[in-house]
Amino acid sequence: MLARTAEYLFWTGRYLERAEDTARLLDITYHRLLEAAPGEEEQAWSDVLVAVGLDDEFAELGRRATAAPVCEFLVYDPANRGSIRACITQARSNARGVREHLAMELWEALNSLHLELGARDLHRDVRHQPHELYGFIRQGVQSVIGVADGTWARDDAWRFFMLGLLLERAEMGVRSLRSRHARHRPDAVHEWYATLRAASALGAYRRRYRDFDPTALVELLLLSPTLPRSVLFSLQGAEAILSDLVAGRPSVALRLLGRVRAELEFADPAELAAGDLTAVLEVLEGQIRDVSSAVAAESFLYRVDLDLHSLHLVPGDELSRDAQGHPLAGVGAAGPVTGSAAGEVAR
């Protein structure tokens, strides 16, 4: 598979997952504030910005973190390349460039989602019917992913798509828990509900635990091997896919991913909940980003510094070596493939 094709598929998965997660967080926050005290609004919307990794970008605009400015910024602001509209548009653009690798039904589902979203008056929807809008986005993305699951042959194209999706899901799960775990007071039931609903885990939590407990929350959302949106579950799936992609070849990305997955598998939820969970989650987020950087270096044929919303190319002789100076598997002798920001990856 061409490196550029792999890159397009990887980012298509990431963009779709990012769009759904953003819509999910906006919808849950909108409902949570119906039960919260008036003074909690600004903090709640600030938590959403932290969870999606766009708090600094929003702060540069000089706006207050209230419902309308945050929702407009995250849904359709043309200056925000991490907005829902930008993510759906870019996912469709990337997929169009590699249509020969997709199932026809997948392309039709993604293209329909893009066209239907483009036909909506997003400004009016955000102001007057946000719940309906966020539900439409979530169901649309879930439909695309469901079509991919039901129609796409399990080849390398599918693997790169799912690898991007699962790494994005894991990273978003870490940030979401990091931004919200301090709100989980015994008397703030609505905060617990919001955190669990953000991971589609409220029903699973009720079936397994009787009380709201920080240890139980960490065990389920971070360390569960059975909950589809737990961080460990996502990393296990990503590791299995990456193992198939490298097919036994030496891989820095697989080594890094296996290490972080093993650390989570053997972590003690009680120790994590009782300690400095914020610091642990910050380290974990950095480790997942390192995996993404290594995947890009090995599979997309250039060394990158991969942040949440853009690819920063690092030119020079170090392109074929990792941070310790060891050769990176899969980096071709022809040198890096030049490229632009991730938001403009479909050229």
C-alpha atoms as a PDB file:
ATOM      1  CA  MET A   1       0.000   0.000   0.000  1.00  0.00           C
ATOM      2  CA  LEU A   2       1.251   3.484  -0.820  1.00  0.00           C
ATOM      3  CA  ALA A   3       2.287   5.541   2.200  1.00  0.00           C
ATOM      4  CA  ARG A   4      -0.066   8.357   1.212  1.00  0.00           C
ATOM      5  CA  THR A   5      -2.990   5.940   0.927  1.00  0.00           C
ATOM      6  CA  ALA A   6      -2.259   4.583   4.398  1.00  0.00           C
ATOM      7  CA  GLU A   7      -2.108   8.131   5.743  1.00  0.00           C
ATOM      8  CA  TYR A   8      -5.453   9.087   4.224  1.00  0.00           C
ATOM      9  CA  LEU A   9      -7.144   6.010   5.685  1.00  0.00           C
ATOM     10  CA  PHE A  10      -5.559   6.506   9.110  1.00  0.00           C
ATOM     11  CA  TRP A  11      -6.779  10.101   9.290  1.00  0.00           C
ATOM     12  CA  THR A  12     -10.218   9.249   7.942  1.00  0.00           C
ATOM     13  CA  GLY A  13     -10.704   7.007  10.970  1.00  0.00           C
ATOM     14  CA  ARG A  14      -9.366   9.652  13.337  1.00  0.00           C
ATOM     15  CA  TYR A  15     -11.533  12.418  11.913  1.00  0.00           C
ATOM     16  CA  LEU A  16     -14.714  10.356  12.144  1.00  0.00           C
ATOM     17  CA  GLU A  17     -14.041   9.336  15.732  1.00  0.00           C
ATOM     18  CA  ARG A  18     -13.170  12.917  16.656  1.00  0.00           C
ATOM     19  CA  ALA A  19     -16.422  14.234  15.167  1.00  0.00           C
ATOM     20  CA  GLU A  20     -18.539  11.715  17.057  1.00  0.00           C
ATOM     21  CA  ASP A  21     -16.732  12.233  20.359  1.00  0.00           C
ATOM     22  CA  THR A  22     -17.060  16.003  20.086  1.00  0.00           C
ATOM     23  CA  ALA A  23     -20.793  15.749  19.370  1.00  0.00           C
ATOM     24  CA  ARG A  24     -21.177  13.313  22.254  1.00  0.00           C
ATOM     25  CA  LEU A  25     -19.454  15.671  24.715  1.00  0.00           C
ATOM     26  CA  LEU A  26     -21.472  18.679  23.542  1.00  0.00           C
ATOM     27  CA  ASP A  27     -24.759  16.809  23.851  1.00  0.00           C
ATOM     28  CA  ILE A  28     -23.985  15.453  27.308  1.00  0.00           C
ATOM     29  CA  THR A  29     -22.846  18.839  28.592  1.00  0.00           C
ATOM     30  CA  TYR A  30     -25.989  20.481  27.229  1.00  0.00           C
ATOM     31  CA  HIS A  31     -28.159  18.037  29.187  1.00  0.00           C
ATOM     32  CA  ARG A  32     -25.969  18.057  32.289  1.00  0.00           C
ATOM     33  CA  LEU A  33     -26.338  21.803  32.703  1.00  0.00           C
ATOM     34  CA  LEU A  34     -30.108  21.429  32.902  1.00  0.00           C
ATOM     35  CA  GLU A  35     -29.508  19.905  36.358  1.00  0.00           C
ATOM     36  CA  ALA A  36     -26.488  21.950  37.426  1.00  0.00           C
ATOM     37  CA  ALA A  37     -26.195  25.171  39.372  1.00  0.00           C
ATOM     38  CA  PRO A  38     -25.959  28.353  37.251  1.00  0.00           C
ATOM     39  CA  GLY A  39     -22.380  28.985  38.354  1.00  0.00           C
ATOM     40  CA  GLU A  40     -21.194  25.678  36.877  1.00  0.00           C
ATOM     41  CA  GLU A  41     -21.800  26.585  33.235  1.00  0.00           C
ATOM     42  CA  GLU A  42     -18.450  28.128  32.367  1.00  0.00           C
ATOM     43  CA  GLN A  43     -16.476  25.337  34.028  1.00  0.00           C
ATOM     44  CA  ALA A  44     -18.538  22.685  32.236  1.00  0.00           C
ATOM     45  CA  TRP A  45     -17.870  24.154  28.799  1.00  0.00           C
ATOM     46  CA  SER A  46     -14.194  24.626  29.678  1.00  0.00           C
ATOM     47  CA  ASP A  47     -14.042  20.910  30.469  1.00  0.00           C
ATOM     48  CA  VAL A  48     -15.369  20.139  26.987  1.00  0.00           C
ATOM     49  CA  LEU A  49     -12.648  22.269  25.394  1.00  0.00           C
ATOM     50  CA  VAL A  50      -9.968  20.477  27.433  1.00  0.00           C
ATOM     51  CA  ALA A  51     -11.412  17.073  26.536  1.00  0.00           C
ATOM     52  CA  VAL A  52     -11.190  17.784  22.802  1.00  0.00           C
ATOM     53  CA  GLY A  53      -7.772  19.417  23.158  1.00  0.00           C
ATOM     54  CA  LEU A  54      -8.816  22.850  21.915  1.00  0.00           C
ATOM     55  CA  ASP A  55      -8.821  24.924  25.102  1.00  0.00           C
ATOM     56  CA  ASP A  56      -5.764  26.957  24.091  1.00  0.00           C
ATOM     57  CA  GLU A  57      -7.120  27.661  20.603  1.00  0.00           C
ATOM     58  CA  PHE A  58     -10.432  28.833  22.056  1.00  0.00           C
ATOM     59  CA  ALA A  59      -8.709  31.010  24.656  1.00  0.00           C
ATOM     60  CA  GLU A  60      -6.866  32.836  21.881  1.00  0.00           C
ATOM     61  CA  LEU A  61     -10.228  34.049  20.558  1.00  0.00           C
ATOM     62  CA  GLY A  62     -10.896  35.960  23.773  1.00  0.00           C
ATOM     63  CA  ARG A  63     -14.428  34.595  24.214  1.00  0.00           C
ATOM     64  CA  ARG A  64     -16.093  33.411  27.397  1.00  0.00           C
ATOM     65  CA  ALA A  65     -16.578  29.666  27.721  1.00  0.00           C
ATOM     66  CA  THR A  66     -20.364  29.708  27.589  1.00  0.00           C
ATOM     67  CA  ALA A  67     -22.745  27.574  25.578  1.00  0.00           C
ATOM     68  CA  ALA A  68     -23.129  29.493  22.329  1.00  0.00           C
ATOM     69  CA  PRO A  69     -19.470  30.471  21.707  1.00  0.00           C
ATOM     70  CA  VAL A  70     -18.111  27.013  22.596  1.00  0.00           C
ATOM     71  CA  CYS A  71     -20.702  25.116  20.556  1.00  0.00           C
ATOM     72  CA  GLU A  72     -20.264  27.346  17.520  1.00  0.00           C
ATOM     73  CA  PHE A  73     -16.488  26.976  17.768  1.00  0.00           C
ATOM     74  CA  LEU A  74     -16.633  23.199  18.019  1.00  0.00           C
ATOM     75  CA  VAL A  75     -19.397  22.610  15.477  1.00  0.00           C
ATOM     76  CA  TYR A  76     -18.736  24.871  12.507  1.00  0.00           C
ATOM     77  CA  ASP A  77     -16.248  27.699  13.125  1.00  0.00           C
ATOM     78  CA  PRO A  78     -14.248  27.952   9.846  1.00  0.00           C
ATOM     79  CA  ALA A  79     -11.132  28.956  11.789  1.00  0.00           C
ATOM     80  CA  ASN A  80     -11.221  25.708  13.786  1.00  0.00           C
ATOM     81  CA  ARG A  81      -9.800  22.749  11.854  1.00  0.00           C
ATOM     82  CA  GLY A  82     -10.912  20.504  14.701  1.00  0.00           C
ATOM     83  CA  SER A  83     -14.591  21.443  14.388  1.00  0.00           C
ATOM     84  CA  ILE A  84     -17.165  18.769  13.645  1.00  0.00           C
ATOM     85  CA  ARG A  85     -17.886  20.159  10.194  1.00  0.00           C
ATOM     86  CA  ALA A  86     -14.172  20.303   9.359  1.00  0.00           C
ATOM     87  CA  CYS A  87     -13.650  16.730  10.563  1.00  0.00           C
ATOM     88  CA  ILE A  88     -16.517  15.325   8.494  1.00  0.00           C
ATOM     89  CA  THR A  89     -15.435  17.319   5.451  1.00  0.00           C
ATOM     90  CA  GLN A  90     -11.843  16.169   5.733  1.00  0.00           C
ATOM     91  CA  ALA A  91     -12.805  12.538   6.372  1.00  0.00           C
ATOM     92  CA  ARG A  92     -14.871  12.599   3.189  1.00  0.00           C
ATOM     93  CA  SER A  93     -12.080  14.322   1.251  1.00  0.00           C
ATOM     94  CA  ASN A  94      -9.529  11.749   2.366  1.00  0.00           C
ATOM     95  CA  ALA A  95     -11.874   8.866   1.568  1.00  0.00           C
ATOM     96  CA  ARG A  96     -12.546  10.260  -1.892  1.00  0.00           C
ATOM     97  CA  GLY A  97      -8.828  10.110  -2.634  1.00  0.00           C
ATOM     98  CA  VAL A  98      -8.681   6.378  -1.832  1.00  0.00           C
ATOM     99  CA  ARG A  99     -12.109   5.211  -2.997  1.00  0.00           C
ATOM    100  CA  GLU A 100     -10.687   2.150  -4.701  1.00  0.00           C
ATOM    101  CA  HIS A 101      -9.732   0.803  -1.252  1.00  0.00           C
ATOM    102  CA  LEU A 102     -13.176   1.325   0.282  1.00  0.00           C
ATOM    103  CA  ALA A 103     -16.348  -0.701   0.168  1.00  0.00           C
ATOM    104  CA  MET A 104     -18.850   1.104  -2.056  1.00  0.00           C
ATOM    105  CA  GLU A 105     -21.413   1.191   0.756  1.00  0.00           C
ATOM    106  CA  LEU A 106     -18.911   2.895   3.048  1.00  0.00           C
ATOM    107  CA  TRP A 107     -18.218   5.664   0.576  1.00  0.00           C
ATOM    108  CA  GLU A 108     -21.935   6.203   0.007  1.00  0.00           C
ATOM    109  CA  ALA A 109     -22.624   6.418   3.755  1.00  0.00           C
ATOM    110  CA  LEU A 110     -19.783   8.879   4.370  1.00  0.00           C
ATOM    111  CA  ASN A 111     -20.652  11.007   1.353  1.00  0.00           C
ATOM    112  CA  SER A 112     -24.306  11.149   2.416  1.00  0.00           C
ATOM    113  CA  LEU A 113     -23.335  12.253   5.925  1.00  0.00           C
ATOM    114  CA  HIS A 114     -21.148  15.011   4.494  1.00  0.00           C
ATOM    115  CA  LEU A 115     -23.892  16.250   2.144  1.00  0.00           C
ATOM    116  CA  GLU A 116     -26.625  16.138   4.779  1.00  0.00           C
ATOM    117  CA  LEU A 117     -24.484  18.021   7.286  1.00  0.00           C
ATOM    118  CA  GLY A 118     -23.621  20.618   4.634  1.00  0.00           C
ATOM    119  CA  ALA A 119     -27.308  21.150   3.882  1.00  0.00           C
ATOM    120  CA  ARG A 120     -28.144  22.055   7.484  1.00  0.00           C
ATOM    121  CA  ASP A 121     -28.264  25.546   8.947  1.00  0.00           C
ATOM    122  CA  LEU A 122     -25.730  24.809  11.674  1.00  0.00           C
ATOM    123  CA  HIS A 123     -25.980  28.248  13.258  1.00  0.00           C
ATOM    124  CA  ARG A 124     -29.726  27.834  13.737  1.00  0.00           C
ATOM    125  CA  ASP A 125     -29.360  24.227  14.899  1.00  0.00           C
ATOM    126  CA  VAL A 126     -26.782  25.115  17.549  1.00  0.00           C
ATOM    127  CA  ARG A 127     -28.968  27.925  18.854  1.00  0.00           C
ATOM    128  CA  HIS A 128     -32.375  26.254  18.768  1.00  0.00           C
ATOM    129  CA  GLN A 129     -32.122  22.454  18.499  1.00  0.00           C
ATOM    130  CA  PRO A 130     -28.653  21.353  19.651  1.00  0.00           C
ATOM    131  CA  HIS A 131     -29.806  17.960  20.923  1.00  0.00           C
ATOM    132  CA  GLU A 132     -31.255  17.026  17.531  1.00  0.00           C
ATOM    133  CA  LEU A 133     -28.089  18.195  15.759  1.00  0.00           C
ATOM    134  CA  TYR A 134     -25.724  16.268  18.019  1.00  0.00           C
ATOM    135  CA  GLY A 135     -27.883  13.174  17.744  1.00  0.00           C
ATOM    136  CA  PHE A 136     -27.810  13.431  13.955  1.00  0.00           C
ATOM    137  CA  ILE A 137     -24.005  13.685  13.941  1.00  0.00           C
ATOM    138  CA  ARG A 138     -23.512  10.795  16.349  1.00  0.00           C
ATOM    139  CA  GLN A 139     -25.908   8.512  14.507  1.00  0.00           C
ATOM    140  CA  GLY A 140     -24.415   9.507  11.158  1.00  0.00           C
ATOM    141  CA  VAL A 141     -20.855   8.703  12.192  1.00  0.00           C
ATOM    142  CA  GLN A 142     -21.921   5.498  13.923  1.00  0.00           C
ATOM    143  CA  SER A 143     -23.700   4.463  10.726  1.00  0.00           C
ATOM    144  CA  VAL A 144     -20.538   5.032   8.685  1.00  0.00           C
ATOM    145  CA  ILE A 145     -18.451   2.995  11.124  1.00  0.00           C
ATOM    146  CA  GLY A 146     -21.120   0.289  11.217  1.00  0.00           C
ATOM    147  CA  VAL A 147     -21.123   0.069   7.418  1.00  0.00           C
ATOM    148  CA  ALA A 148     -17.330  -0.192   7.490  1.00  0.00           C
ATOM    149  CA  ASP A 149     -17.555  -3.025   9.994  1.00  0.00           C
ATOM    150  CA  GLY A 150     -20.178  -4.894   7.987  1.00  0.00           C
ATOM    151  CA  THR A 151     -18.860  -4.468   4.441  1.00  0.00           C
ATOM    152  CA  TRP A 152     -15.099  -3.826   4.440  1.00  0.00           C
ATOM    153  CA  ALA A 153     -12.683  -6.695   3.852  1.00  0.00           C
ATOM    154  CA  ARG A 154     -10.155  -7.006   6.689  1.00  0.00           C
ATOM    155  CA  ASP A 155      -7.208  -5.898   4.595  1.00  0.00           C
ATOM    156  CA  ASP A 156      -4.523  -3.302   5.271  1.00  0.00           C
ATOM    157  CA  ALA A 157      -6.843  -0.476   4.203  1.00  0.00           C
ATOM    158  CA  TRP A 158      -9.336  -1.442   6.911  1.00  0.00           C
ATOM    159  CA  ARG A 159      -6.512  -1.847   9.412  1.00  0.00           C
ATOM    160  CA  PHE A 160      -5.145   1.663   8.915  1.00  0.00           C
ATOM    161  CA  PHE A 161      -8.658   3.111   9.149  1.00  0.00           C
ATOM    162  CA  MET A 162      -9.376   1.285  12.403  1.00  0.00           C
ATOM    163  CA  LEU A 163      -5.934   2.004  13.829  1.00  0.00           C
ATOM    164  CA  GLY A 164      -6.524   5.742  13.473  1.00  0.00           C
ATOM    165  CA  LEU A 165     -10.020   5.453  14.909  1.00  0.00           C
ATOM    166  CA  LEU A 166      -8.939   3.441  17.975  1.00  0.00           C
ATOM    167  CA  LEU A 167      -5.935   5.628  18.796  1.00  0.00           C
ATOM    168  CA  GLU A 168      -8.172   8.700  18.578  1.00  0.00           C
ATOM    169  CA  ARG A 169     -10.754   7.043  20.829  1.00  0.00           C
ATOM    170  CA  ALA A 170      -8.149   6.100  23.416  1.00  0.00           C
ATOM    171  CA  GLU A 171      -6.627   9.574  23.467  1.00  0.00           C
ATOM    172  CA  MET A 172     -10.021  11.258  23.722  1.00  0.00           C
ATOM    173  CA  GLY A 173     -11.000   8.911  26.543  1.00  0.00           C
ATOM    174  CA  VAL A 174      -7.901   9.835  28.526  1.00  0.00           C
ATOM    175  CA  ARG A 175      -8.450  13.566  28.088  1.00  0.00           C
ATOM    176  CA  SER A 176     -12.145  13.319  28.919  1.00  0.00           C
ATOM    177  CA  LEU A 177     -11.431  11.517  32.193  1.00  0.00           C
ATOM    178  CA  ARG A 178      -8.575  13.895  33.016  1.00  0.00           C
ATOM    179  CA  SER A 179     -10.755  16.962  32.502  1.00  0.00           C
ATOM    180  CA  ARG A 180     -13.640  15.624  34.595  1.00  0.00           C
ATOM    181  CA  HIS A 181     -12.429  13.367  37.394  1.00  0.00           C
ATOM    182  CA  ALA A 182     -12.040  16.265  39.858  1.00  0.00           C
ATOM    183  CA  ARG A 183     -15.799  16.937  39.549  1.00  0.00           C
ATOM    184  CA  HIS A 184     -16.806  13.534  40.887  1.00  0.00           C
ATOM    185  CA  ARG A 185     -17.966  14.604  44.338  1.00  0.00           C
ATOM    186  CA  PRO A 186     -20.308  12.298  46.299  1.00  0.00           C
ATOM    187  CA  ASP A 187     -23.146  14.840  46.058  1.00  0.00           C
ATOM    188  CA  ALA A 188     -22.682  15.623  42.333  1.00  0.00           C
ATOM    189  CA  VAL A 189     -24.580  12.720  40.809  1.00  0.00           C
ATOM    190  CA  HIS A 190     -25.096  14.571  37.539  1.00  0.00           C
ATOM    191  CA  GLU A 191     -21.311  14.796  37.111  1.00  0.00           C
ATOM    192  CA  TRP A 192     -20.888  11.024  37.442  1.00  0.00           C
ATOM    193  CA  TYR A 193     -23.719  10.444  34.994  1.00  0.00           C
ATOM    194  CA  ALA A 194     -22.168  12.812  32.456  1.00  0.00           C
ATOM    195  CA  THR A 195     -18.748  11.155  32.625  1.00  0.00           C
ATOM    196  CA  LEU A 196     -20.210   7.681  32.221  1.00  0.00           C
ATOM    197  CA  ARG A 197     -22.541   8.695  29.393  1.00  0.00           C
ATOM    198  CA  ALA A 198     -19.596  10.253  27.541  1.00  0.00           C
ATOM    199  CA  ALA A 199     -18.147   6.747  27.281  1.00  0.00           C
ATOM    200  CA  SER A 200     -21.512   4.999  26.731  1.00  0.00           C
ATOM    201  CA  ALA A 201     -20.830   3.296  30.049  1.00  0.00           C
ATOM    202  CA  LEU A 202     -23.709   4.286  32.325  1.00  0.00           C
ATOM    203  CA  GLY A 203     -25.591   1.011  31.866  1.00  0.00           C
ATOM    204  CA  ALA A 204     -22.444  -1.059  32.296  1.00  0.00           C
ATOM    205  CA  TYR A 205     -21.574   0.834  35.492  1.00  0.00           C
ATOM    206  CA  ARG A 206     -25.033   0.334  36.989  1.00  0.00           C
ATOM    207  CA  ARG A 207     -24.945  -3.391  36.270  1.00  0.00           C
ATOM    208  CA  ARG A 208     -21.515  -3.850  37.839  1.00  0.00           C
ATOM    209  CA  TYR A 209     -21.310  -1.388  40.733  1.00  0.00           C
ATOM    210  CA  ARG A 210     -23.782  -0.302  43.394  1.00  0.00           C
ATOM    211  CA  ASP A 211     -22.356   3.087  44.414  1.00  0.00           C
ATOM    212  CA  PHE A 212     -20.493   5.928  42.759  1.00  0.00           C
ATOM    213  CA  ASP A 213     -16.886   5.258  43.610  1.00  0.00           C
ATOM    214  CA  PRO A 214     -13.708   6.779  42.095  1.00  0.00           C
ATOM    215  CA  THR A 215     -11.946   3.408  42.015  1.00  0.00           C
ATOM    216  CA  ALA A 216     -14.846   1.815  40.149  1.00  0.00           C
ATOM    217  CA  LEU A 217     -14.887   4.673  37.647  1.00  0.00           C
ATOM    218  CA  VAL A 218     -11.172   4.277  36.903  1.00  0.00           C
ATOM    219  CA  GLU A 219     -11.538   0.504  36.674  1.00  0.00           C
ATOM    220  CA  LEU A 220     -14.330   0.756  34.119  1.00  0.00           C
ATOM    221  CA  LEU A 221     -13.353   3.718  31.943  1.00  0.00           C
ATOM    222  CA  LEU A 222      -9.597   3.277  31.985  1.00  0.00           C
ATOM    223  CA  LEU A 223      -8.870  -0.403  32.641  1.00  0.00           C
ATOM    224  CA  SER A 224     -11.860  -2.444  31.453  1.00  0.00           C
ATOM    225  CA  PRO A 225     -10.968  -5.088  28.832  1.00  0.00           C
ATOM    226  CA  THR A 226     -14.637  -5.467  27.833  1.00  0.00           C
ATOM    227  CA  LEU A 227     -16.075  -1.935  27.602  1.00  0.00           C
ATOM    228  CA  PRO A 228     -15.727  -0.811  23.942  1.00  0.00           C
ATOM    229  CA  ARG A 229     -14.887   2.789  24.848  1.00  0.00           C
ATOM    230  CA  SER A 230     -12.480   2.124  27.704  1.00  0.00           C
ATOM    231  CA  VAL A 231      -8.905   3.215  27.099  1.00  0.00           C
ATOM    232  CA  LEU A 232      -7.490  -0.279  27.584  1.00  0.00           C
ATOM    233  CA  PHE A 233     -10.023  -1.866  25.224  1.00  0.00           C
ATOM    234  CA  SER A 234      -9.155   0.645  22.503  1.00  0.00           C
ATOM    235  CA  LEU A 235      -5.416   0.136  22.935  1.00  0.00           C
ATOM    236  CA  GLN A 236      -5.766  -3.654  22.867  1.00  0.00           C
ATOM    237  CA  GLY A 237      -7.657  -3.403  19.594  1.00  0.00           C
ATOM    238  CA  ALA A 238      -5.098  -0.999  18.155  1.00  0.00           C
ATOM    239  CA  GLU A 239      -2.246  -3.296  19.176  1.00  0.00           C
ATOM    240  CA  ALA A 240      -3.831  -6.319  17.493  1.00  0.00           C
ATOM    241  CA  ILE A 241      -4.319  -4.344  14.278  1.00  0.00           C
ATOM    242  CA  LEU A 242      -0.823  -2.883  14.332  1.00  0.00           C
ATOM    243  CA  SER A 243       0.641  -6.340  14.929  1.00  0.00           C
ATOM    244  CA  ASP A 244      -1.058  -7.541  11.741  1.00  0.00           C
ATOM    245  CA  LEU A 245       0.208  -4.522   9.830  1.00  0.00           C
ATOM    246  CA  VAL A 246       3.865  -4.947  10.771  1.00  0.00           C
ATOM    247  CA  ALA A 247       3.647  -8.745  10.262  1.00  0.00           C
ATOM    248  CA  GLY A 248       6.546  -9.623  12.539  1.00  0.00           C
ATOM    249  CA  ARG A 249       8.879  -6.831  11.403  1.00  0.00           C
ATOM    250  CA  PRO A 250      10.654  -4.716  14.047  1.00  0.00           C
ATOM    251  CA  SER A 251       8.382  -1.827  14.930  1.00  0.00           C
ATOM    252  CA  VAL A 252       8.931   1.065  17.313  1.00  0.00           C
ATOM    253  CA  ALA A 253       5.203   1.838  17.243  1.00  0.00           C
ATOM    254  CA  LEU A 254       4.240  -1.697  18.242  1.00  0.00           C
ATOM    255  CA  ARG A 255       6.816  -1.737  21.027  1.00  0.00           C
ATOM    256  CA  LEU A 256       5.536   1.568  22.438  1.00  0.00           C
ATOM    257  CA  LEU A 257       1.921   0.479  22.141  1.00  0.00           C
ATOM    258  CA  GLY A 258       2.595  -2.886  23.788  1.00  0.00           C
ATOM    259  CA  ARG A 259       4.328  -1.140  26.674  1.00  0.00           C
ATOM    260  CA  VAL A 260       1.494   1.257  27.439  1.00  0.00           C
ATOM    261  CA  ARG A 261      -1.094  -1.506  27.038  1.00  0.00           C
ATOM    262  CA  ALA A 262       0.815  -3.751  29.480  1.00  0.00           C
ATOM    263  CA  GLU A 263       1.128  -0.941  32.022  1.00  0.00           C
ATOM    264  CA  LEU A 264      -2.630  -0.479  31.981  1.00  0.00           C
ATOM    265  CA  GLU A 265      -3.386  -4.199  32.140  1.00  0.00           C
ATOM    266  CA  PHE A 266      -1.387  -4.556  35.359  1.00  0.00           C
ATOM    267  CA  ALA A 267      -2.369  -1.226  36.925  1.00  0.00           C
ATOM    268  CA  ASP A 268      -4.228  -1.185  40.254  1.00  0.00           C
ATOM    269  CA  PRO A 269      -7.379   0.969  39.974  1.00  0.00           C
ATOM    270  CA  ALA A 270      -7.390   1.688  43.711  1.00  0.00           C
ATOM    271  CA  GLU A 271      -3.841   3.012  43.576  1.00  0.00           C
ATOM    272  CA  LEU A 272      -4.613   5.154  40.541  1.00  0.00           C
ATOM    273  CA  ALA A 273      -7.766   6.619  42.110  1.00  0.00           C
ATOM    274  CA  ALA A 274      -6.025   7.350  45.417  1.00  0.00           C
ATOM    275  CA  GLY A 275      -2.932   8.906  43.828  1.00  0.00           C
ATOM    276  CA  ASP A 276      -2.351  11.781  41.439  1.00  0.00           C
ATOM    277  CA  LEU A 277      -4.638  10.577  38.671  1.00  0.00           C
ATOM    278  CA  THR A 278      -4.211  13.778  36.678  1.00  0.00           C
ATOM    279  CA  ALA A 279      -0.464  13.238  36.405  1.00  0.00           C
ATOM    280  CA  VAL A 280      -0.953   9.602  35.410  1.00  0.00           C
ATOM    281  CA  LEU A 281      -3.413  10.560  32.686  1.00  0.00           C
ATOM    282  CA  GLU A 282      -1.128  13.283  31.347  1.00  0.00           C
ATOM    283  CA  VAL A 283       1.679  10.740  30.985  1.00  0.00           C
ATOM    284  CA  LEU A 284      -0.689   8.255  29.360  1.00  0.00           C
ATOM    285  CA  GLU A 285      -1.886  10.830  26.845  1.00  0.00           C
ATOM    286  CA  GLY A 286       1.720  11.558  25.910  1.00  0.00           C
ATOM    287  CA  GLN A 287       2.423   7.855  25.446  1.00  0.00           C
ATOM    288  CA  ILE A 288      -0.527   7.463  23.075  1.00  0.00           C
ATOM    289  CA  ARG A 289       0.692  10.461  21.095  1.00  0.00           C
ATOM    290  CA  ASP A 290       4.124   8.841  20.878  1.00  0.00           C
ATOM    291  CA  VAL A 291       2.506   5.739  19.381  1.00  0.00           C
ATOM    292  CA  SER A 292       0.783   7.885  16.755  1.00  0.00           C
ATOM    293  CA  SER A 293       4.077   9.614  15.959  1.00  0.00           C
ATOM    294  CA  ALA A 294       5.818   6.269  15.549  1.00  0.00           C
ATOM    295  CA  VAL A 295       3.046   4.959  13.276  1.00  0.00           C
ATOM    296  CA  ALA A 296       3.429   8.049  11.094  1.00  0.00           C
ATOM    297  CA  ALA A 297       7.210   7.687  10.992  1.00  0.00           C
ATOM    298  CA  GLU A 298       7.093   4.014  10.047  1.00  0.00           C
ATOM    299  CA  SER A 299       4.108   3.948   7.710  1.00  0.00           C
ATOM    300  CA  PHE A 300       3.881   7.405   6.162  1.00  0.00           C
ATOM    301  CA  LEU A 301       7.619   7.641   5.408  1.00  0.00           C
ATOM    302  CA  TYR A 302       8.482  10.785   7.282  1.00  0.00           C
ATOM    303  CA  ARG A 303       9.408  11.692  10.815  1.00  0.00           C
ATOM    304  CA  VAL A 304       6.701  13.776  12.442  1.00  0.00           C
ATOM    305  CA  ASP A 305       5.800  15.582  15.600  1.00  0.00           C
ATOM    306  CA  LEU A 306       2.139  14.601  15.763  1.00  0.00           C
ATOM    307  CA  ASP A 307      -0.156  16.809  17.795  1.00  0.00           C
ATOM    308  CA  LEU A 308      -3.926  16.585  17.979  1.00  0.00           C
ATOM    309  CA  HIS A 309      -4.799  18.621  14.915  1.00  0.00           C
ATOM    310  CA  SER A 310      -1.737  18.903  12.690  1.00  0.00           C
ATOM    311  CA  LEU A 311       1.313  17.101  11.402  1.00  0.00           C
ATOM    312  CA  HIS A 312       4.576  18.980  11.835  1.00  0.00           C
ATOM    313  CA  LEU A 313       7.289  17.584   9.596  1.00  0.00           C
ATOM    314  CA  VAL A 314      10.804  17.418  10.955  1.00  0.00           C
ATOM    315  CA  PRO A 315      13.268  17.445   8.013  1.00  0.00           C
ATOM    316  CA  GLY A 316      16.868  16.301   8.020  1.00  0.00           C
ATOM    317  CA  ASP A 317      18.982  13.187   8.456  1.00  0.00           C
ATOM    318  CA  GLU A 318      17.157  12.241  11.668  1.00  0.00           C
ATOM    319  CA  LEU A 319      14.126  11.207   9.616  1.00  0.00           C
ATOM    320  CA  SER A 320      15.069   7.558   9.669  1.00  0.00           C
ATOM    321  CA  ARG A 321      15.924   7.337  13.382  1.00  0.00           C
ATOM    322  CA  ASP A 322      13.987   7.377  16.616  1.00  0.00           C
ATOM    323  CA  ALA A 323      14.663   9.563  19.642  1.00  0.00           C
ATOM    324  CA  GLN A 324      17.440   7.222  20.798  1.00  0.00           C
ATOM    325  CA  GLY A 325      19.111   7.216  17.385  1.00  0.00           C
ATOM    326  CA  HIS A 326      17.962   3.741  16.395  1.00  0.00           C
ATOM    327  CA  PRO A 327      16.789   3.145  12.817  1.00  0.00           C
ATOM    328  CA  LEU A 328      13.037   3.284  12.349  1.00  0.00           C
ATOM    329  CA  ALA A 329      11.506   0.296  10.582  1.00  0.00           C
ATOM    330  CA  GLY A 330       9.739   1.043   7.344  1.00  0.00           C
ATOM    331  CA  VAL A 331      11.343   4.395   6.567  1.00  0.00           C
ATOM    332  CA  GLY A 332      12.414   4.332   2.973  1.00  0.00           C
ATOM    333  CA  ALA A 333      15.766   5.417   1.652  1.00  0.00           C
ATOM    334  CA  ALA A 334      14.094   7.949  -0.606  1.00  0.00           C
ATOM    335  CA  GLY A 335      13.476  10.198   2.384  1.00  0.00           C
ATOM    336  CA  PRO A 336      10.351  11.789   3.733  1.00  0.00           C
ATOM    337  CA  VAL A 337       7.157  12.375   1.870  1.00  0.00           C
ATOM    338  CA  THR A 338       6.487  16.083   2.071  1.00  0.00           C
ATOM    339  CA  GLY A 339       3.072  17.085   3.300  1.00  0.00           C
ATOM    340  CA  SER A 340       0.938  19.750   4.873  1.00  0.00           C
ATOM    341  CA  ALA A 341      -1.037  19.968   8.080  1.00  0.00           C
ATOM    342  CA  ALA A 342      -3.345  17.110   8.952  1.00  0.00           C
ATOM    343  CA  GLY A 343      -6.310  19.352   8.335  1.00  0.00           C
ATOM    344  CA  GLU A 344      -5.159  19.568   4.717  1.00  0.00           C
ATOM    345  CA  VAL A 345      -3.906  16.030   4.323  1.00  0.00           C
ATOM    346  CA  ALA A 346      -6.059  15.251   1.275  1.00  0.00           C
ATOM    347  CA  ARG A 347      -4.179  17.085  -1.410  1.00  0.00           C
END
